[in-house]
N, C-alpha and C. Protein backbone atom coordinates (compact mmCIF):
# COMPACT_ATOMS: atom_id res chain seq x y z
N GLN A 1 10.54 -24.47 -6.25
CA GLN A 1 11.43 -23.95 -5.24
C GLN A 1 10.70 -23.73 -3.92
N LEU A 2 9.49 -23.17 -3.99
CA LEU A 2 8.72 -22.97 -2.76
C LEU A 2 8.40 -24.28 -2.09
N PHE A 3 8.00 -25.27 -2.88
CA PHE A 3 7.63 -26.56 -2.31
C PHE A 3 8.82 -27.24 -1.66
N VAL A 4 9.96 -27.19 -2.31
CA VAL A 4 11.16 -27.81 -1.75
C VAL A 4 11.57 -27.12 -0.45
N ALA A 5 11.50 -25.79 -0.43
CA ALA A 5 11.85 -25.05 0.78
C ALA A 5 10.85 -25.34 1.89
N TYR A 6 9.57 -25.46 1.54
CA TYR A 6 8.56 -25.78 2.56
C TYR A 6 8.80 -27.18 3.12
N ARG A 7 9.13 -28.11 2.24
CA ARG A 7 9.37 -29.49 2.68
C ARG A 7 10.59 -29.56 3.59
N ASN A 8 11.59 -28.72 3.31
CA ASN A 8 12.80 -28.72 4.13
C ASN A 8 12.67 -27.85 5.38
N GLY A 9 11.58 -27.07 5.47
CA GLY A 9 11.36 -26.24 6.64
C GLY A 9 12.09 -24.91 6.61
N ARG A 10 12.48 -24.44 5.41
CA ARG A 10 13.23 -23.19 5.30
C ARG A 10 12.54 -22.22 4.34
N VAL A 11 11.26 -21.99 4.54
CA VAL A 11 10.52 -21.10 3.65
C VAL A 11 10.98 -19.66 3.82
N ASP A 12 11.35 -19.27 5.03
CA ASP A 12 11.78 -17.89 5.26
C ASP A 12 13.06 -17.55 4.50
N GLU A 13 13.87 -18.54 4.16
CA GLU A 13 15.08 -18.30 3.40
C GLU A 13 14.81 -18.29 1.90
N ALA A 14 13.73 -18.90 1.46
CA ALA A 14 13.46 -19.03 0.03
C ALA A 14 12.66 -17.86 -0.52
N VAL A 15 11.84 -17.22 0.30
CA VAL A 15 10.95 -16.16 -0.18
C VAL A 15 11.19 -14.90 0.64
N SER A 16 11.38 -13.79 -0.06
CA SER A 16 11.61 -12.53 0.65
C SER A 16 10.29 -11.91 1.08
N LEU A 17 10.35 -11.07 2.08
CA LEU A 17 9.16 -10.40 2.58
C LEU A 17 8.60 -9.43 1.55
N GLY A 18 9.47 -8.74 0.83
CA GLY A 18 9.02 -7.83 -0.21
C GLY A 18 8.25 -8.53 -1.31
N PHE A 19 8.72 -9.71 -1.69
CA PHE A 19 8.01 -10.48 -2.71
C PHE A 19 6.63 -10.88 -2.23
N LEU A 20 6.53 -11.33 -1.00
CA LEU A 20 5.23 -11.73 -0.46
C LEU A 20 4.28 -10.54 -0.35
N LEU A 21 4.78 -9.38 0.06
CA LEU A 21 3.93 -8.20 0.16
C LEU A 21 3.43 -7.74 -1.21
N CYS A 22 4.30 -7.78 -2.22
CA CYS A 22 3.87 -7.42 -3.58
C CYS A 22 2.85 -8.42 -4.10
N TRP A 23 3.06 -9.69 -3.83
CA TRP A 23 2.14 -10.73 -4.28
C TRP A 23 0.76 -10.54 -3.64
N ILE A 24 0.74 -10.34 -2.34
CA ILE A 24 -0.53 -10.15 -1.63
C ILE A 24 -1.20 -8.85 -2.07
N GLY A 25 -0.41 -7.80 -2.25
CA GLY A 25 -0.98 -6.53 -2.71
C GLY A 25 -1.61 -6.65 -4.09
N GLY A 26 -0.96 -7.36 -4.98
CA GLY A 26 -1.53 -7.58 -6.31
C GLY A 26 -2.80 -8.40 -6.26
N ASP A 27 -2.81 -9.42 -5.43
CA ASP A 27 -4.02 -10.23 -5.29
C ASP A 27 -5.18 -9.42 -4.72
N LEU A 28 -4.89 -8.57 -3.74
CA LEU A 28 -5.95 -7.75 -3.14
C LEU A 28 -6.52 -6.74 -4.13
N THR A 29 -5.66 -6.10 -4.92
CA THR A 29 -6.16 -5.14 -5.89
C THR A 29 -6.92 -5.84 -7.01
N ASN A 30 -6.49 -7.03 -7.39
CA ASN A 30 -7.22 -7.80 -8.39
C ASN A 30 -8.58 -8.20 -7.85
N PHE A 31 -8.65 -8.59 -6.61
CA PHE A 31 -9.92 -8.97 -5.99
C PHE A 31 -10.86 -7.77 -5.91
N LYS A 32 -10.31 -6.60 -5.57
CA LYS A 32 -11.12 -5.38 -5.52
C LYS A 32 -11.68 -5.06 -6.91
N GLY A 33 -10.88 -5.23 -7.93
CA GLY A 33 -11.35 -4.99 -9.29
C GLY A 33 -12.42 -5.97 -9.70
N CYS A 34 -12.32 -7.20 -9.26
CA CYS A 34 -13.36 -8.20 -9.57
C CYS A 34 -14.67 -7.84 -8.88
N LEU A 35 -14.60 -7.36 -7.66
CA LEU A 35 -15.81 -7.02 -6.93
C LEU A 35 -16.51 -5.79 -7.52
N SER A 36 -15.73 -4.87 -8.07
CA SER A 36 -16.32 -3.65 -8.61
C SER A 36 -16.54 -3.72 -10.11
N ASN A 37 -16.33 -4.89 -10.71
CA ASN A 37 -16.54 -5.12 -12.15
C ASN A 37 -15.77 -4.13 -13.02
N GLN A 38 -14.54 -3.84 -12.65
CA GLN A 38 -13.72 -2.92 -13.42
C GLN A 38 -12.87 -3.68 -14.42
N LEU A 39 -12.59 -3.03 -15.53
CA LEU A 39 -11.63 -3.56 -16.48
C LEU A 39 -10.23 -3.22 -15.99
N PRO A 40 -9.19 -3.94 -16.44
CA PRO A 40 -7.83 -3.65 -15.97
C PRO A 40 -7.35 -2.24 -16.29
N ILE A 41 -7.96 -1.56 -17.30
CA ILE A 41 -7.49 -0.22 -17.66
C ILE A 41 -8.24 0.87 -16.92
N GLN A 42 -9.24 0.53 -16.12
CA GLN A 42 -10.02 1.52 -15.39
C GLN A 42 -9.42 1.73 -14.00
N PHE A 43 -9.58 2.93 -13.49
CA PHE A 43 -9.07 3.23 -12.14
C PHE A 43 -10.18 3.53 -11.19
């Protein structure tokens, strides 16, 4: 779905801003956990 919307030039209609913010937030927290060598259950 993302690829088709990108190819058609309508990515802003296919993906919501909230979804992108949650996705980026999850990636950033996962990256922080990788840098600090934490397990998923540690805070």
